[in-house]
Amino acid sequence: MKKDLGYTQEKMSLLLDISLRQYIRIDKEICLPRTDILEKLIKILKLSDKEIGQYVHQIIQKRVS
Protein backbone atom coordinates (compact mmCIF):
# COMPACT_ATOMS: atom_id res chain seq x y z
CA MET A 1 0.00 0.00 0.00
CA LYS A 2 1.72 3.11 -1.17
CA LYS A 3 0.99 6.77 -1.29
CA ASP A 4 4.01 8.93 -1.82
CA LEU A 5 4.15 11.04 1.31
CA GLY A 6 7.92 10.81 1.52
CA TYR A 7 7.89 8.34 4.40
CA THR A 8 10.52 5.63 4.50
CA GLN A 9 9.58 2.08 5.41
CA GLU A 10 11.35 2.65 8.73
CA LYS A 11 9.26 5.77 9.44
CA MET A 12 6.03 3.96 8.56
CA SER A 13 6.89 1.05 10.84
CA LEU A 14 7.48 3.53 13.67
CA LEU A 15 4.22 5.38 12.99
CA LEU A 16 2.35 2.07 12.98
CA ASP A 17 4.24 0.76 16.03
CA ILE A 18 5.20 -2.47 14.26
CA SER A 19 8.47 -4.06 13.26
CA LEU A 20 10.16 -3.02 10.03
CA ARG A 21 9.88 -6.60 8.81
CA GLN A 22 6.14 -6.62 9.41
CA TYR A 23 5.72 -3.31 7.59
CA ILE A 24 7.73 -4.53 4.60
CA ARG A 25 5.40 -7.55 4.31
CA ILE A 26 2.41 -5.19 4.34
CA ASP A 27 4.07 -2.77 1.91
CA LYS A 28 4.90 -5.55 -0.55
CA GLU A 29 1.29 -6.74 -0.23
CA ILE A 30 2.39 -10.15 1.00
CA CYS A 31 -0.15 -10.12 3.80
CA LEU A 32 -3.15 -8.15 5.00
CA PRO A 33 -2.45 -6.08 8.09
CA ARG A 34 -4.40 -6.67 11.27
CA THR A 35 -7.49 -4.49 11.60
CA ASP A 36 -5.85 -2.10 14.06
CA ILE A 37 -2.85 -1.63 11.76
CA LEU A 38 -5.11 -1.16 8.74
CA GLU A 39 -7.03 1.54 10.62
CA LYS A 40 -3.75 3.34 11.37
CA LEU A 41 -2.67 3.05 7.73
CA ILE A 42 -5.97 4.54 6.58
CA LYS A 43 -5.47 7.54 8.85
CA ILE A 44 -1.77 8.06 8.08
CA LEU A 45 -2.19 7.71 4.31
CA LYS A 46 -5.65 9.32 4.21
CA LEU A 47 -6.99 6.50 2.07
CA SER A 48 -10.34 6.66 0.34
CA ASP A 49 -12.82 3.78 0.47
CA LYS A 50 -11.95 3.00 -3.15
CA GLU A 51 -8.22 2.81 -2.37
CA ILE A 52 -8.85 0.54 0.61
CA GLY A 53 -10.99 -1.77 -1.53
CA GLN A 54 -8.36 -1.92 -4.26
CA TYR A 55 -5.64 -2.71 -1.74
CA VAL A 56 -7.59 -5.55 -0.14
CA HIS A 57 -8.60 -6.89 -3.57
CA GLN A 58 -4.95 -6.93 -4.76
CA ILE A 59 -3.84 -8.94 -1.75
CA ILE A 60 -6.69 -11.43 -2.08
CA GLN A 61 -5.90 -11.87 -5.79
CA LYS A 62 -2.24 -12.61 -4.94
CA ARG A 63 -3.28 -15.20 -2.38
CA VAL A 64 -5.57 -17.13 -4.73
CA SER A 65 -3.23 -17.11 -7.73
C-alpha atoms as a PDB file:
ATOM      1  CA  MET A   1       0.000   0.000   0.000  1.00  0.00           C
ATOM      2  CA  LYS A   2       1.720   3.111  -1.166  1.00  0.00           C
ATOM      3  CA  LYS A   3       0.995   6.767  -1.291  1.00  0.00           C
ATOM      4  CA  ASP A   4       4.007   8.926  -1.817  1.00  0.00           C
ATOM      5  CA  LEU A   5       4.147  11.037   1.307  1.00  0.00           C
ATOM      6  CA  GLY A   6       7.916  10.813   1.519  1.00  0.00           C
ATOM      7  CA  TYR A   7       7.893   8.338   4.404  1.00  0.00           C
ATOM      8  CA  THR A   8      10.523   5.627   4.503  1.00  0.00           C
ATOM      9  CA  GLN A   9       9.580   2.084   5.414  1.00  0.00           C
ATOM     10  CA  GLU A  10      11.350   2.654   8.731  1.00  0.00           C
ATOM     11  CA  LYS A  11       9.265   5.765   9.441  1.00  0.00           C
ATOM     12  CA  MET A  12       6.031   3.961   8.561  1.00  0.00           C
ATOM     13  CA  SER A  13       6.893   1.049  10.841  1.00  0.00           C
ATOM     14  CA  LEU A  14       7.485   3.531  13.674  1.00  0.00           C
ATOM     15  CA  LEU A  15       4.217   5.379  12.994  1.00  0.00           C
ATOM     16  CA  LEU A  16       2.352   2.065  12.979  1.00  0.00           C
ATOM     17  CA  ASP A  17       4.241   0.762  16.031  1.00  0.00           C
ATOM     18  CA  ILE A  18       5.198  -2.470  14.263  1.00  0.00           C
ATOM     19  CA  SER A  19       8.474  -4.056  13.255  1.00  0.00           C
ATOM     20  CA  LEU A  20      10.162  -3.019  10.034  1.00  0.00           C
ATOM     21  CA  ARG A  21       9.883  -6.602   8.807  1.00  0.00           C
ATOM     22  CA  GLN A  22       6.142  -6.618   9.414  1.00  0.00           C
ATOM     23  CA  TYR A  23       5.717  -3.310   7.590  1.00  0.00           C
ATOM     24  CA  ILE A  24       7.734  -4.531   4.602  1.00  0.00           C
ATOM     25  CA  ARG A  25       5.403  -7.549   4.305  1.00  0.00           C
ATOM     26  CA  ILE A  26       2.405  -5.194   4.344  1.00  0.00           C
ATOM     27  CA  ASP A  27       4.072  -2.765   1.915  1.00  0.00           C
ATOM     28  CA  LYS A  28       4.900  -5.546  -0.546  1.00  0.00           C
ATOM     29  CA  GLU A  29       1.293  -6.738  -0.232  1.00  0.00           C
ATOM     30  CA  ILE A  30       2.388 -10.150   1.001  1.00  0.00           C
ATOM     31  CA  CYS A  31      -0.150 -10.121   3.805  1.00  0.00           C
ATOM     32  CA  LEU A  32      -3.146  -8.154   5.003  1.00  0.00           C
ATOM     33  CA  PRO A  33      -2.454  -6.079   8.088  1.00  0.00           C
ATOM     34  CA  ARG A  34      -4.401  -6.666  11.273  1.00  0.00           C
ATOM     35  CA  THR A  35      -7.486  -4.492  11.597  1.00  0.00           C
ATOM     36  CA  ASP A  36      -5.850  -2.103  14.062  1.00  0.00           C
ATOM     37  CA  ILE A  37      -2.848  -1.627  11.760  1.00  0.00           C
ATOM     38  CA  LEU A  38      -5.114  -1.156   8.736  1.00  0.00           C
ATOM     39  CA  GLU A  39      -7.032   1.538  10.616  1.00  0.00           C
ATOM     40  CA  LYS A  40      -3.752   3.344  11.374  1.00  0.00           C
ATOM     41  CA  LEU A  41      -2.671   3.048   7.728  1.00  0.00           C
ATOM     42  CA  ILE A  42      -5.965   4.537   6.579  1.00  0.00           C
ATOM     43  CA  LYS A  43      -5.471   7.540   8.854  1.00  0.00           C
ATOM     44  CA  ILE A  44      -1.772   8.064   8.077  1.00  0.00           C
ATOM     45  CA  LEU A  45      -2.189   7.706   4.315  1.00  0.00           C
ATOM     46  CA  LYS A  46      -5.651   9.319   4.214  1.00  0.00           C
ATOM     47  CA  LEU A  47      -6.989   6.495   2.067  1.00  0.00           C
ATOM     48  CA  SER A  48     -10.341   6.656   0.335  1.00  0.00           C
ATOM     49  CA  ASP A  49     -12.816   3.781   0.473  1.00  0.00           C
ATOM     50  CA  LYS A  50     -11.951   3.003  -3.150  1.00  0.00           C
ATOM     51  CA  GLU A  51      -8.216   2.806  -2.374  1.00  0.00           C
ATOM     52  CA  ILE A  52      -8.852   0.536   0.609  1.00  0.00           C
ATOM     53  CA  GLY A  53     -10.992  -1.771  -1.532  1.00  0.00           C
ATOM     54  CA  GLN A  54      -8.359  -1.919  -4.263  1.00  0.00           C
ATOM     55  CA  TYR A  55      -5.639  -2.713  -1.736  1.00  0.00           C
ATOM     56  CA  VAL A  56      -7.588  -5.555  -0.144  1.00  0.00           C
ATOM     57  CA  HIS A  57      -8.598  -6.889  -3.570  1.00  0.00           C
ATOM     58  CA  GLN A  58      -4.947  -6.935  -4.757  1.00  0.00           C
ATOM     59  CA  ILE A  59      -3.837  -8.942  -1.750  1.00  0.00           C
ATOM     60  CA  ILE A  60      -6.688 -11.430  -2.078  1.00  0.00           C
ATOM     61  CA  GLN A  61      -5.897 -11.874  -5.788  1.00  0.00           C
ATOM     62  CA  LYS A  62      -2.243 -12.608  -4.940  1.00  0.00           C
ATOM     63  CA  ARG A  63      -3.277 -15.203  -2.377  1.00  0.00           C
ATOM     64  CA  VAL A  64      -5.570 -17.133  -4.728  1.00  0.00           C
ATOM     65  CA  SER A  65      -3.234 -17.108  -7.726  1.00  0.00           C
END
